[in-house]
C-alpha atoms as a PDB file:
ATOM      1  CA  UNK A   1      -2.016  -1.672  34.385  1.00  0.00           C
ATOM      2  CA  UNK A   2       0.984  -1.121  32.139  1.00  0.00           C
ATOM      3  CA  UNK A   3       1.586   2.246  30.585  1.00  0.00           C
ATOM      4  CA  UNK A   4       1.624   2.065  26.797  1.00  0.00           C
ATOM      5  CA  UNK A   5       4.378   4.161  25.259  1.00  0.00           C
ATOM      6  CA  UNK A   6       4.475   4.956  21.573  1.00  0.00           C
ATOM      7  CA  UNK A   7       7.471   6.391  19.738  1.00  0.00           C
ATOM      8  CA  UNK A   8       6.835   9.996  18.663  1.00  0.00           C
ATOM      9  CA  UNK A   9       7.181  10.604  14.919  1.00  0.00           C
ATOM     10  CA  UNK A  10       7.000  14.248  13.858  1.00  0.00           C
ATOM     11  CA  UNK A  11       6.264  13.127  10.274  1.00  0.00           C
ATOM     12  CA  UNK A  12       2.783  12.121  11.452  1.00  0.00           C
ATOM     13  CA  UNK A  13       2.139  15.729  12.509  1.00  0.00           C
ATOM     14  CA  UNK A  14       3.311  17.572   9.384  1.00  0.00           C
ATOM     15  CA  UNK A  15      -0.163  17.843   7.924  1.00  0.00           C
ATOM     16  CA  UNK A  16      -0.092  21.192   6.132  1.00  0.00           C
ATOM     17  CA  UNK A  17       2.237  23.320   4.047  1.00  0.00           C
ATOM     18  CA  UNK A  18       2.478  25.733   6.991  1.00  0.00           C
ATOM     19  CA  UNK A  19       3.556  22.917   9.344  1.00  0.00           C
ATOM     20  CA  UNK A  20       6.265  21.876   6.897  1.00  0.00           C
ATOM     21  CA  UNK A  21       7.423  25.453   6.360  1.00  0.00           C
ATOM     22  CA  UNK A  22       7.778  26.127  10.095  1.00  0.00           C
ATOM     23  CA  UNK A  23       9.507  22.792  10.641  1.00  0.00           C
ATOM     24  CA  UNK A  24      12.075  23.522   7.933  1.00  0.00           C
ATOM     25  CA  UNK A  25      12.610  27.108   9.116  1.00  0.00           C
ATOM     26  CA  UNK A  26      13.494  25.711  12.535  1.00  0.00           C
ATOM     27  CA  UNK A  27      15.831  23.153  10.935  1.00  0.00           C
ATOM     28  CA  UNK A  28      17.707  25.850   9.024  1.00  0.00           C
ATOM     29  CA  UNK A  29      17.961  28.021  12.137  1.00  0.00           C
ATOM     30  CA  UNK A  30      19.956  25.210  13.759  1.00  0.00           C
ATOM     31  CA  UNK A  31      22.508  25.500  10.944  1.00  0.00           C
ATOM     32  CA  UNK A  32      23.716  21.885  11.047  1.00  0.00           C
ATOM     33  CA  UNK A  33      23.768  20.443   7.497  1.00  0.00           C
ATOM     34  CA  UNK A  34      23.194  16.860   8.701  1.00  0.00           C
ATOM     35  CA  UNK A  35      20.204  17.997  10.763  1.00  0.00           C
ATOM     36  CA  UNK A  36      18.758  19.900   7.795  1.00  0.00           C
ATOM     37  CA  UNK A  37      19.102  16.782   5.608  1.00  0.00           C
ATOM     38  CA  UNK A  38      17.463  14.665   8.308  1.00  0.00           C
ATOM     39  CA  UNK A  39      14.569  17.128   8.594  1.00  0.00           C
ATOM     40  CA  UNK A  40      14.114  17.026   4.805  1.00  0.00           C
ATOM     41  CA  UNK A  41      13.934  13.248   5.169  1.00  0.00           C
ATOM     42  CA  UNK A  42      11.198  13.613   7.783  1.00  0.00           C
ATOM     43  CA  UNK A  43       9.224  15.911   5.470  1.00  0.00           C
ATOM     44  CA  UNK A  44       9.774  13.452   2.618  1.00  0.00           C
ATOM     45  CA  UNK A  45       8.333  10.617   4.742  1.00  0.00           C
ATOM     46  CA  UNK A  46       5.356  12.806   5.632  1.00  0.00           C
ATOM     47  CA  UNK A  47       4.704  13.577   1.960  1.00  0.00           C
ATOM     48  CA  UNK A  48       5.470  10.309   0.118  1.00  0.00           C
ATOM     49  CA  UNK A  49       9.048   9.078  -0.086  1.00  0.00           C
ATOM     50  CA  UNK A  50       8.414   6.820  -3.103  1.00  0.00           C
ATOM     51  CA  UNK A  51       6.934   9.614  -5.221  1.00  0.00           C
ATOM     52  CA  UNK A  52       9.700  11.979  -4.145  1.00  0.00           C
ATOM     53  CA  UNK A  53      12.353   9.444  -5.134  1.00  0.00           C
ATOM     54  CA  UNK A  54      10.821   9.223  -8.610  1.00  0.00           C
ATOM     55  CA  UNK A  55      10.582  13.025  -8.866  1.00  0.00           C
ATOM     56  CA  UNK A  56      14.269  13.547  -8.035  1.00  0.00           C
ATOM     57  CA  UNK A  57      15.498  10.550 -10.042  1.00  0.00           C
ATOM     58  CA  UNK A  58      16.889   8.505  -7.157  1.00  0.00           C
ATOM     59  CA  UNK A  59      16.055   5.138  -5.699  1.00  0.00           C
ATOM     60  CA  UNK A  60      13.973   5.193  -2.549  1.00  0.00           C
ATOM     61  CA  UNK A  61      16.799   3.511  -0.600  1.00  0.00           C
ATOM     62  CA  UNK A  62      19.376   6.055  -1.806  1.00  0.00           C
ATOM     63  CA  UNK A  63      17.064   8.903  -0.868  1.00  0.00           C
ATOM     64  CA  UNK A  64      16.482   7.457   2.611  1.00  0.00           C
ATOM     65  CA  UNK A  65      20.237   7.158   3.079  1.00  0.00           C
ATOM     66  CA  UNK A  66      20.980  10.666   1.789  1.00  0.00           C
ATOM     67  CA  UNK A  67      18.326  12.224   4.040  1.00  0.00           C
ATOM     68  CA  UNK A  68      19.025  10.136   7.131  1.00  0.00           C
ATOM     69  CA  UNK A  69      21.286  12.672   8.797  1.00  0.00           C
ATOM     70  CA  UNK A  70      24.077  10.104   8.514  1.00  0.00           C
ATOM     71  CA  UNK A  71      24.490  10.453   4.751  1.00  0.00           C
ATOM     72  CA  UNK A  72      26.324  13.258   3.015  1.00  0.00           C
ATOM     73  CA  UNK A  73      24.068  14.374   0.158  1.00  0.00           C
ATOM     74  CA  UNK A  74      25.356  16.711  -2.499  1.00  0.00           C
ATOM     75  CA  UNK A  75      23.994  20.230  -2.452  1.00  0.00           C
ATOM     76  CA  UNK A  76      22.349  19.541  -5.809  1.00  0.00           C
ATOM     77  CA  UNK A  77      20.447  16.653  -4.214  1.00  0.00           C
ATOM     78  CA  UNK A  78      19.233  18.900  -1.388  1.00  0.00           C
ATOM     79  CA  UNK A  79      18.029  21.481  -3.913  1.00  0.00           C
ATOM     80  CA  UNK A  80      16.241  18.824  -6.016  1.00  0.00           C
ATOM     81  CA  UNK A  81      14.526  17.409  -2.931  1.00  0.00           C
ATOM     82  CA  UNK A  82      13.489  20.853  -1.728  1.00  0.00           C
ATOM     83  CA  UNK A  83      12.075  21.743  -5.153  1.00  0.00           C
ATOM     84  CA  UNK A  84      10.163  18.455  -5.364  1.00  0.00           C
ATOM     85  CA  UNK A  85       8.715  19.138  -1.900  1.00  0.00           C
ATOM     86  CA  UNK A  86       7.635  22.635  -2.953  1.00  0.00           C
ATOM     87  CA  UNK A  87      10.302  24.361  -0.865  1.00  0.00           C
ATOM     88  CA  UNK A  88      12.834  26.929  -2.005  1.00  0.00           C
ATOM     89  CA  UNK A  89      16.088  28.156  -0.578  1.00  0.00           C
ATOM     90  CA  UNK A  90      16.235  31.937  -0.397  1.00  0.00           C
ATOM     91  CA  UNK A  91      19.281  33.804   0.920  1.00  0.00           C
ATOM     92  CA  UNK A  92      18.718  36.673   3.334  1.00  0.00           C
ATOM     93  CA  UNK A  93      21.214  38.920   5.048  1.00  0.00           C
ATOM     94  CA  UNK A  94      22.260  37.681   8.461  1.00  0.00           C
ATOM     95  CA  UNK A  95      21.665  39.907  11.441  1.00  0.00           C
ATOM     96  CA  UNK A  96      24.830  41.702  12.550  1.00  0.00           C
ATOM     97  CA  UNK A  97      25.175  39.659  15.758  1.00  0.00           C
ATOM     98  CA  UNK A  98      24.898  36.388  13.794  1.00  0.00           C
ATOM     99  CA  UNK A  99      27.226  37.312  10.925  1.00  0.00           C
ATOM    100  CA  UNK A 100      30.502  35.404  10.713  1.00  0.00           C
END
């Protein structure tokens, strides 16, 4: 009997606002801009990429590329995507041991 293996897709498990919030908090804790963009792309797939593309005024293909982790989206694009997903970016003071 062969073992069936399915590819894990976190987008299938982001079912609530709290799931998405925790997922994005973890992405920002990593601090890698490409990883943050990729995680926004995962949230966008979980929510509805086509609707999001319309909401931010981009084509679906351009949005996929920008949020792939391989693209280099402008900061304005990241902010538009976050707003359309119901997320906001709020600065907080870094802890002393993490400050640059």
